[in-house]
C-alpha atoms as a PDB file:
ATOM      1  CA  MET A   1       0.000   0.000   0.000  1.00  0.00           C
ATOM      2  CA  PRO A   2       1.385   3.472  -0.849  1.00  0.00           C
ATOM      3  CA  THR A   3       2.624   5.609   2.004  1.00  0.00           C
ATOM      4  CA  GLN A   4       2.587   9.349   2.405  1.00  0.00           C
ATOM      5  CA  VAL A   5       5.793  11.240   1.665  1.00  0.00           C
ATOM      6  CA  GLN A   6       7.551  12.388   4.824  1.00  0.00           C
ATOM      7  CA  GLY A   7      10.233  14.958   5.650  1.00  0.00           C
ATOM      8  CA  SER A   8      11.587  17.552   3.242  1.00  0.00           C
ATOM      9  CA  GLU A   9      10.010  15.910   0.186  1.00  0.00           C
ATOM     10  CA  ALA A  10       6.572  16.594   1.665  1.00  0.00           C
ATOM     11  CA  GLN A  11       7.447  20.295   1.901  1.00  0.00           C
ATOM     12  CA  LYS A  12       8.223  20.756  -1.796  1.00  0.00           C
ATOM     13  CA  PRO A  13       5.124  21.783  -3.758  1.00  0.00           C
ATOM     14  CA  SER A  14       4.373  20.156  -7.055  1.00  0.00           C
ATOM     15  CA  HIS A  15       1.594  21.042  -9.465  1.00  0.00           C
ATOM     16  CA  TYR A  16      -0.137  18.895 -12.019  1.00  0.00           C
ATOM     17  CA  LEU A  17      -2.744  20.133 -14.445  1.00  0.00           C
ATOM     18  CA  PHE A  18      -5.568  17.654 -14.902  1.00  0.00           C
ATOM     19  CA  ARG A  19      -8.130  18.483 -17.558  1.00  0.00           C
ATOM     20  CA  MET A  20     -11.665  17.168 -17.467  1.00  0.00           C
ATOM     21  CA  SER A  21     -15.109  18.102 -18.666  1.00  0.00           C
ATOM     22  CA  ARG A  22     -17.307  20.331 -16.549  1.00  0.00           C
ATOM     23  CA  SER A  23     -19.674  17.438 -15.908  1.00  0.00           C
ATOM     24  CA  ASP A  24     -16.776  15.262 -14.690  1.00  0.00           C
ATOM     25  CA  LYS A  25     -15.583  18.091 -12.450  1.00  0.00           C
ATOM     26  CA  GLU A  26     -19.047  18.375 -10.886  1.00  0.00           C
ATOM     27  CA  ARG A  27     -19.157  14.607 -10.444  1.00  0.00           C
ATOM     28  CA  LEU A  28     -15.757  14.714  -8.717  1.00  0.00           C
ATOM     29  CA  LYS A  29     -16.915  17.560  -6.454  1.00  0.00           C
ATOM     30  CA  ARG A  30     -20.029  15.591  -5.461  1.00  0.00           C
ATOM     31  CA  ARG A  31     -17.995  12.461  -4.666  1.00  0.00           C
ATOM     32  CA  ALA A  32     -15.504  14.450  -2.589  1.00  0.00           C
ATOM     33  CA  ALA A  33     -18.299  16.213  -0.704  1.00  0.00           C
ATOM     34  CA  ALA A  34     -20.053  12.904  -0.036  1.00  0.00           C
ATOM     35  CA  ALA A  35     -16.789  11.610   1.458  1.00  0.00           C
ATOM     36  CA  GLY A  36     -16.475  14.804   3.541  1.00  0.00           C
ATOM     37  CA  LEU A  37     -13.244  15.771   1.775  1.00  0.00           C
ATOM     38  CA  THR A  38     -11.917  18.487  -0.479  1.00  0.00           C
ATOM     39  CA  ILE A  39     -11.283  17.533  -4.083  1.00  0.00           C
ATOM     40  CA  GLN A  40      -7.529  17.459  -3.428  1.00  0.00           C
ATOM     41  CA  ALA A  41      -7.877  15.249  -0.352  1.00  0.00           C
ATOM     42  CA  TYR A  42     -10.312  12.973  -2.198  1.00  0.00           C
ATOM     43  CA  LEU A  43      -7.901  12.557  -5.112  1.00  0.00           C
ATOM     44  CA  GLU A  44      -4.980  11.850  -2.757  1.00  0.00           C
ATOM     45  CA  CYS A  45      -6.964   9.139  -1.017  1.00  0.00           C
ATOM     46  CA  THR A  46      -8.401   7.531  -4.145  1.00  0.00           C
ATOM     47  CA  ALA A  47      -5.677   8.027  -6.755  1.00  0.00           C
ATOM     48  CA  LEU A  48      -2.642   7.704  -4.486  1.00  0.00           C
ATOM     49  CA  GLY A  49      -4.125   5.214  -2.038  1.00  0.00           C
ATOM     50  CA  TYR A  50      -3.606   7.286   1.121  1.00  0.00           C
ATOM     51  CA  GLU A  51      -5.679   6.068   4.043  1.00  0.00           C
ATOM     52  CA  THR A  52      -5.993   9.598   5.441  1.00  0.00           C
ATOM     53  CA  PRO A  53      -5.644  12.917   3.621  1.00  0.00           C
ATOM     54  CA  VAL A  54      -2.482  14.971   3.961  1.00  0.00           C
ATOM     55  CA  SER A  55      -2.934  17.750   6.512  1.00  0.00           C
ATOM     56  CA  ARG A  56      -2.491  21.180   4.921  1.00  0.00           C
ATOM     57  CA  PRO A  57      -3.638  24.665   5.836  1.00  0.00           C
ATOM     58  CA  PRO A  58      -6.695  25.790   3.843  1.00  0.00           C
ATOM     59  CA  GLY A  59      -6.416  27.980   0.764  1.00  0.00           C
ATOM     60  CA  ARG A  60      -3.598  28.706  -1.611  1.00  0.00           C
ATOM     61  CA  PRO A  61      -0.054  28.930  -0.257  1.00  0.00           C
ATOM     62  CA  ARG A  62       0.936  32.531   0.314  1.00  0.00           C
ATOM     63  CA  GLN A  63       4.280  33.904  -0.786  1.00  0.00           C
ATOM     64  CA  HIS A  64       6.187  35.615   1.975  1.00  0.00           C
ATOM     65  CA  GLU A  65       6.651  39.307   1.351  1.00  0.00           C
ATOM     66  CA  ALA A  66       9.890  40.976   2.363  1.00  0.00           C
ATOM     67  CA  THR A  67       9.355  43.251   5.317  1.00  0.00           C
ATOM     68  CA  GLN A  68      10.594  46.797   5.017  1.00  0.00           C
ATOM     69  CA  GLU A  69      11.716  48.833   7.982  1.00  0.00           C
ATOM     70  CA  PRO A  70      10.959  52.562   8.032  1.00  0.00           C
ATOM     71  CA  PHE A  71      13.824  54.782   6.927  1.00  0.00           C
ATOM     72  CA  ASP A  72      14.616  57.687   9.261  1.00  0.00           C
ATOM     73  CA  LEU A  73      15.104  60.882   7.222  1.00  0.00           C
ATOM     74  CA  SER A  74      15.616  63.178  10.223  1.00  0.00           C
ATOM     75  CA  ALA A  75      19.407  62.771  10.366  1.00  0.00           C
END
């Protein structure tokens, strides 16, 4: 049975474009909702054979913005 990736490999994002018809997308959404999962979690469990979905924060990953400190012009 497949196992979930651990360690630094689990931290590296990877993207895969999967094209399907709108009706298939709706069907996938219904199946995921019936299982109480997001589409991503549902695909990980069904396509990759994970017993439990990978725990991730919700939403898209946010890029870290560089912080800027105020510049003192009074000198």
